[in-house]
Amino acid sequence: MECTTIFETVHPNSAEIDIGAERIFVEVDGKVVQFFETCTEDYLRCTAYLKEHKVKRVAMEATGVHWMALYGLLGKECIEACLVNPKEVKQVKGRKTDVKDCQWIQKRF
């Protein structure tokens, strides 16, 4: 028997960003996951995308230092950013891709 878990939205107008070395994956309020490259121009496109969707809060999962530049840009746009510990996400069964991580964290944090 298959079990489906449905998460209640805790923070409306929120998004999740899974940050990798080459791409970031962004999900806004359960919509389709978008991806952007990890250069400044794409980070600017990402913040514009978030503002277009009226995002006020972002949970970011990142390893290394790749999150720092985007964090600064989000702050300049008055989007609250919360850094999520990647170890907590990777411990959860069923999340094997950046897209799935992105979707789960957006509902959870």
N, C-alpha and C. Protein backbone atom coordinates (compact mmCIF):
# COMPACT_ATOMS: atom_id res chain seq x y z
N MET A 1 0.84 -1.17 0.00
CA MET A 1 0.00 0.00 0.00
C MET A 1 0.89 1.25 0.00
N GLU A 2 0.55 2.20 -0.83
CA GLU A 2 1.31 3.44 -0.94
C GLU A 2 0.73 4.48 0.00
N CYS A 3 1.61 5.18 0.70
CA CYS A 3 1.19 6.20 1.65
C CYS A 3 1.60 7.57 1.11
N THR A 4 0.68 8.49 1.09
CA THR A 4 0.96 9.84 0.63
C THR A 4 0.89 10.79 1.81
N THR A 5 1.91 11.60 1.97
CA THR A 5 1.94 12.59 3.04
C THR A 5 1.62 13.95 2.44
N ILE A 6 0.68 14.64 3.04
CA ILE A 6 0.31 15.98 2.60
C ILE A 6 0.69 16.95 3.71
N PHE A 7 1.52 17.93 3.37
CA PHE A 7 1.95 18.92 4.34
C PHE A 7 1.06 20.14 4.27
N GLU A 8 0.73 20.68 5.42
CA GLU A 8 -0.01 21.93 5.50
C GLU A 8 0.98 23.07 5.23
N THR A 9 0.57 24.07 4.50
CA THR A 9 1.44 25.21 4.24
C THR A 9 1.54 26.04 5.51
N VAL A 10 2.75 26.16 6.04
CA VAL A 10 2.98 26.89 7.27
C VAL A 10 3.20 28.37 6.98
N HIS A 11 3.94 28.65 5.93
CA HIS A 11 4.26 30.03 5.56
C HIS A 11 3.81 30.30 4.14
N PRO A 12 2.68 30.97 3.97
CA PRO A 12 2.28 31.34 2.60
C PRO A 12 3.27 32.36 2.03
N ASN A 13 3.27 32.48 0.74
CA ASN A 13 4.20 33.39 0.05
C ASN A 13 5.65 33.05 0.39
N SER A 14 5.93 31.75 0.38
CA SER A 14 7.29 31.30 0.68
C SER A 14 7.82 30.46 -0.47
N ALA A 15 9.11 30.23 -0.42
CA ALA A 15 9.77 29.43 -1.45
C ALA A 15 10.90 28.64 -0.81
N GLU A 16 11.39 27.67 -1.55
CA GLU A 16 12.55 26.90 -1.13
C GLU A 16 13.55 26.92 -2.25
N ILE A 17 14.81 27.00 -1.88
CA ILE A 17 15.87 26.99 -2.87
C ILE A 17 16.89 25.93 -2.47
N ASP A 18 17.11 24.99 -3.36
CA ASP A 18 18.16 24.00 -3.17
C ASP A 18 19.35 24.47 -4.00
N ILE A 19 20.45 24.77 -3.34
CA ILE A 19 21.59 25.38 -4.01
C ILE A 19 22.70 24.36 -4.22
N GLY A 20 23.08 24.20 -5.46
CA GLY A 20 24.20 23.34 -5.81
C GLY A 20 25.33 24.17 -6.38
N ALA A 21 26.39 23.51 -6.78
CA ALA A 21 27.55 24.21 -7.32
C ALA A 21 27.27 24.78 -8.71
N GLU A 22 26.39 24.13 -9.49
CA GLU A 22 26.13 24.57 -10.86
C GLU A 22 24.74 25.12 -11.10
N ARG A 23 23.76 24.70 -10.28
CA ARG A 23 22.37 25.14 -10.45
C ARG A 23 21.69 25.32 -9.11
N ILE A 24 20.67 26.18 -9.11
CA ILE A 24 19.79 26.28 -7.96
C ILE A 24 18.38 25.91 -8.42
N PHE A 25 17.64 25.23 -7.55
CA PHE A 25 16.29 24.80 -7.85
C PHE A 25 15.35 25.55 -6.91
N VAL A 26 14.29 26.15 -7.47
CA VAL A 26 13.41 27.02 -6.72
C VAL A 26 11.97 26.55 -6.88
N GLU A 27 11.28 26.40 -5.73
CA GLU A 27 9.85 26.09 -5.77
C GLU A 27 9.10 27.16 -4.99
N VAL A 28 8.06 27.70 -5.59
CA VAL A 28 7.25 28.73 -4.97
C VAL A 28 5.85 28.19 -4.74
N ASP A 29 5.43 28.12 -3.48
CA ASP A 29 4.07 27.71 -3.10
C ASP A 29 3.52 26.53 -3.89
N GLY A 30 4.31 25.49 -4.03
CA GLY A 30 3.84 24.27 -4.68
C GLY A 30 3.76 24.32 -6.19
N LYS A 31 4.26 25.38 -6.78
CA LYS A 31 4.25 25.47 -8.24
C LYS A 31 5.42 24.65 -8.82
N VAL A 32 5.53 24.64 -10.10
CA VAL A 32 6.59 23.89 -10.78
C VAL A 32 7.96 24.39 -10.34
N VAL A 33 8.88 23.48 -10.16
CA VAL A 33 10.24 23.84 -9.76
C VAL A 33 10.97 24.46 -10.95
N GLN A 34 11.55 25.64 -10.71
CA GLN A 34 12.34 26.34 -11.72
C GLN A 34 13.81 26.17 -11.36
N PHE A 35 14.68 26.25 -12.34
CA PHE A 35 16.10 26.23 -12.01
C PHE A 35 16.81 27.40 -12.67
N PHE A 36 17.89 27.81 -12.00
CA PHE A 36 18.72 28.91 -12.46
C PHE A 36 20.17 28.47 -12.31
N GLU A 37 21.04 29.03 -13.12
CA GLU A 37 22.47 28.76 -12.99
C GLU A 37 23.00 29.52 -11.78
N THR A 38 24.26 29.33 -11.44
CA THR A 38 24.81 29.93 -10.22
C THR A 38 25.73 31.11 -10.48
N CYS A 39 25.42 31.90 -11.48
CA CYS A 39 26.18 33.13 -11.69
C CYS A 39 25.32 34.32 -11.24
N THR A 40 25.92 35.46 -11.05
CA THR A 40 25.22 36.62 -10.51
C THR A 40 24.00 37.00 -11.35
N GLU A 41 24.14 36.98 -12.65
CA GLU A 41 23.02 37.32 -13.54
C GLU A 41 21.82 36.41 -13.28
N ASP A 42 22.06 35.13 -13.08
CA ASP A 42 20.97 34.20 -12.81
C ASP A 42 20.41 34.38 -11.40
N TYR A 43 21.26 34.72 -10.44
CA TYR A 43 20.76 35.02 -9.09
C TYR A 43 19.83 36.22 -9.13
N LEU A 44 20.17 37.22 -9.96
CA LEU A 44 19.30 38.38 -10.12
C LEU A 44 17.98 37.98 -10.77
N ARG A 45 18.03 37.09 -11.76
CA ARG A 45 16.80 36.58 -12.38
C ARG A 45 15.97 35.82 -11.36
N CYS A 46 16.63 35.07 -10.50
CA CYS A 46 15.94 34.31 -9.46
C CYS A 46 15.22 35.24 -8.48
N THR A 47 15.91 36.29 -8.01
CA THR A 47 15.26 37.22 -7.08
C THR A 47 14.09 37.94 -7.75
N ALA A 48 14.22 38.26 -9.03
CA ALA A 48 13.11 38.89 -9.76
C ALA A 48 11.93 37.91 -9.86
N TYR A 49 12.23 36.64 -10.10
CA TYR A 49 11.19 35.60 -10.15
C TYR A 49 10.47 35.50 -8.81
N LEU A 50 11.22 35.53 -7.72
CA LEU A 50 10.62 35.45 -6.39
C LEU A 50 9.74 36.66 -6.11
N LYS A 51 10.23 37.85 -6.44
CA LYS A 51 9.43 39.07 -6.24
C LYS A 51 8.17 39.05 -7.10
N GLU A 52 8.28 38.56 -8.32
CA GLU A 52 7.13 38.46 -9.21
C GLU A 52 6.03 37.58 -8.60
N HIS A 53 6.45 36.57 -7.84
CA HIS A 53 5.50 35.66 -7.19
C HIS A 53 5.20 36.07 -5.74
N LYS A 54 5.59 37.28 -5.38
CA LYS A 54 5.30 37.88 -4.07
C LYS A 54 5.83 37.04 -2.90
N VAL A 55 6.99 36.46 -3.09
CA VAL A 55 7.62 35.66 -2.04
C VAL A 55 8.20 36.59 -0.98
N LYS A 56 7.91 36.29 0.28
CA LYS A 56 8.40 37.08 1.40
C LYS A 56 9.45 36.33 2.22
N ARG A 57 9.46 34.99 2.10
CA ARG A 57 10.34 34.16 2.92
C ARG A 57 10.88 32.99 2.10
N VAL A 58 12.17 32.68 2.30
CA VAL A 58 12.81 31.61 1.56
C VAL A 58 13.57 30.71 2.54
N ALA A 59 13.44 29.39 2.35
CA ALA A 59 14.29 28.43 3.04
C ALA A 59 15.31 27.95 2.01
N MET A 60 16.58 28.02 2.37
CA MET A 60 17.64 27.63 1.44
C MET A 60 18.42 26.45 2.01
N GLU A 61 18.63 25.44 1.18
CA GLU A 61 19.48 24.32 1.55
C GLU A 61 20.73 24.42 0.69
N ALA A 62 21.88 24.42 1.33
CA ALA A 62 23.13 24.55 0.57
C ALA A 62 24.27 23.87 1.31
N THR A 63 25.19 23.37 0.53
CA THR A 63 26.44 22.90 1.09
C THR A 63 27.52 23.86 0.62
N GLY A 64 28.56 23.98 1.36
CA GLY A 64 29.64 24.88 0.96
C GLY A 64 29.26 26.34 1.11
N VAL A 65 29.82 27.17 0.24
CA VAL A 65 29.64 28.63 0.34
C VAL A 65 28.75 29.19 -0.77
N HIS A 66 28.15 28.34 -1.56
CA HIS A 66 27.39 28.80 -2.72
C HIS A 66 26.16 29.64 -2.36
N TRP A 67 25.69 29.57 -1.15
CA TRP A 67 24.49 30.27 -0.73
C TRP A 67 24.74 31.74 -0.42
N MET A 68 25.97 32.12 -0.12
CA MET A 68 26.25 33.45 0.42
C MET A 68 25.86 34.60 -0.51
N ALA A 69 26.20 34.51 -1.77
CA ALA A 69 25.88 35.59 -2.71
C ALA A 69 24.37 35.75 -2.86
N LEU A 70 23.66 34.64 -3.00
CA LEU A 70 22.21 34.71 -3.15
C LEU A 70 21.56 35.24 -1.87
N TYR A 71 22.06 34.83 -0.73
CA TYR A 71 21.55 35.32 0.56
C TYR A 71 21.62 36.84 0.62
N GLY A 72 22.75 37.40 0.20
CA GLY A 72 22.91 38.85 0.19
C GLY A 72 21.94 39.54 -0.75
N LEU A 73 21.73 38.97 -1.92
CA LEU A 73 20.79 39.56 -2.89
C LEU A 73 19.35 39.49 -2.37
N LEU A 74 18.99 38.40 -1.73
CA LEU A 74 17.64 38.27 -1.17
C LEU A 74 17.40 39.32 -0.09
N GLY A 75 18.41 39.54 0.76
CA GLY A 75 18.30 40.55 1.80
C GLY A 75 18.08 41.94 1.24
N LYS A 76 18.75 42.26 0.15
CA LYS A 76 18.58 43.57 -0.50
C LYS A 76 17.16 43.75 -1.04
N GLU A 77 16.51 42.64 -1.37
CA GLU A 77 15.14 42.68 -1.90
C GLU A 77 14.09 42.49 -0.80
N CYS A 78 14.54 42.53 0.47
CA CYS A 78 13.65 42.37 1.63
C CYS A 78 12.93 41.02 1.64
N ILE A 79 13.63 39.98 1.18
CA ILE A 79 13.10 38.61 1.25
C ILE A 79 13.87 37.92 2.36
N GLU A 80 13.14 37.50 3.40
CA GLU A 80 13.77 36.83 4.54
C GLU A 80 14.29 35.46 4.09
N ALA A 81 15.53 35.18 4.42
CA ALA A 81 16.14 33.90 4.03
C ALA A 81 16.55 33.12 5.27
N CYS A 82 16.22 31.84 5.27
CA CYS A 82 16.56 30.94 6.37
C CYS A 82 17.40 29.81 5.78
N LEU A 83 18.57 29.57 6.35
CA LEU A 83 19.45 28.52 5.86
C LEU A 83 19.10 27.21 6.57
N VAL A 84 18.85 26.16 5.78
CA VAL A 84 18.47 24.85 6.30
C VAL A 84 19.69 23.95 6.31
N ASN A 85 19.87 23.20 7.37
CA ASN A 85 20.99 22.28 7.48
C ASN A 85 20.79 21.11 6.51
N PRO A 86 21.69 20.91 5.54
CA PRO A 86 21.53 19.85 4.55
C PRO A 86 21.49 18.46 5.18
N LYS A 87 22.15 18.27 6.31
CA LYS A 87 22.13 16.96 6.96
C LYS A 87 20.73 16.56 7.39
N GLU A 88 19.92 17.54 7.82
CA GLU A 88 18.56 17.25 8.23
C GLU A 88 17.69 16.82 7.05
N VAL A 89 17.95 17.37 5.88
CA VAL A 89 17.17 17.04 4.69
C VAL A 89 17.58 15.68 4.14
N LYS A 90 18.88 15.44 4.07
CA LYS A 90 19.38 14.20 3.48
C LYS A 90 19.04 12.97 4.31
N GLN A 91 18.73 13.16 5.58
CA GLN A 91 18.38 12.04 6.45
C GLN A 91 16.97 11.52 6.17
N VAL A 92 16.15 12.29 5.48
CA VAL A 92 14.77 11.92 5.23
C VAL A 92 14.69 11.01 4.01
N LYS A 93 14.07 9.86 4.18
CA LYS A 93 13.98 8.89 3.09
C LYS A 93 13.10 9.43 1.96
N GLY A 94 13.42 9.02 0.73
CA GLY A 94 12.58 9.37 -0.41
C GLY A 94 13.03 10.60 -1.16
N ARG A 95 14.01 11.35 -0.64
CA ARG A 95 14.49 12.53 -1.33
C ARG A 95 15.85 12.24 -1.92
N LYS A 96 15.86 11.94 -3.21
CA LYS A 96 17.11 11.56 -3.87
C LYS A 96 17.55 12.57 -4.91
N THR A 97 16.75 13.61 -5.15
CA THR A 97 17.11 14.61 -6.16
C THR A 97 16.98 16.01 -5.58
N ASP A 98 17.63 16.97 -6.21
CA ASP A 98 17.52 18.37 -5.78
C ASP A 98 16.09 18.87 -5.90
N VAL A 99 15.37 18.44 -6.93
CA VAL A 99 13.99 18.87 -7.11
C VAL A 99 13.13 18.37 -5.97
N LYS A 100 13.26 17.11 -5.58
CA LYS A 100 12.47 16.56 -4.47
C LYS A 100 12.84 17.23 -3.15
N ASP A 101 14.14 17.50 -2.94
CA ASP A 101 14.56 18.23 -1.75
C ASP A 101 13.86 19.58 -1.70
N CYS A 102 13.87 20.26 -2.81
CA CYS A 102 13.28 21.59 -2.93
C CYS A 102 11.80 21.55 -2.55
N GLN A 103 11.07 20.58 -3.10
CA GLN A 103 9.63 20.48 -2.83
C GLN A 103 9.36 20.16 -1.37
N TRP A 104 10.13 19.29 -0.77
CA TRP A 104 9.90 18.90 0.61
C TRP A 104 10.19 20.05 1.56
N ILE A 105 11.32 20.72 1.37
CA ILE A 105 11.70 21.80 2.27
C ILE A 105 10.71 22.95 2.19
N GLN A 106 10.19 23.23 1.01
CA GLN A 106 9.24 24.34 0.86
C GLN A 106 8.01 24.09 1.71
N LYS A 107 7.59 22.86 1.84
CA LYS A 107 6.41 22.54 2.64
C LYS A 107 6.72 22.46 4.12
N ARG A 108 7.94 22.12 4.46
CA ARG A 108 8.31 21.82 5.84
C ARG A 108 8.75 23.05 6.62
N PHE A 109 9.50 23.95 6.01
CA PHE A 109 10.10 25.05 6.77
C PHE A 109 9.42 26.36 6.53
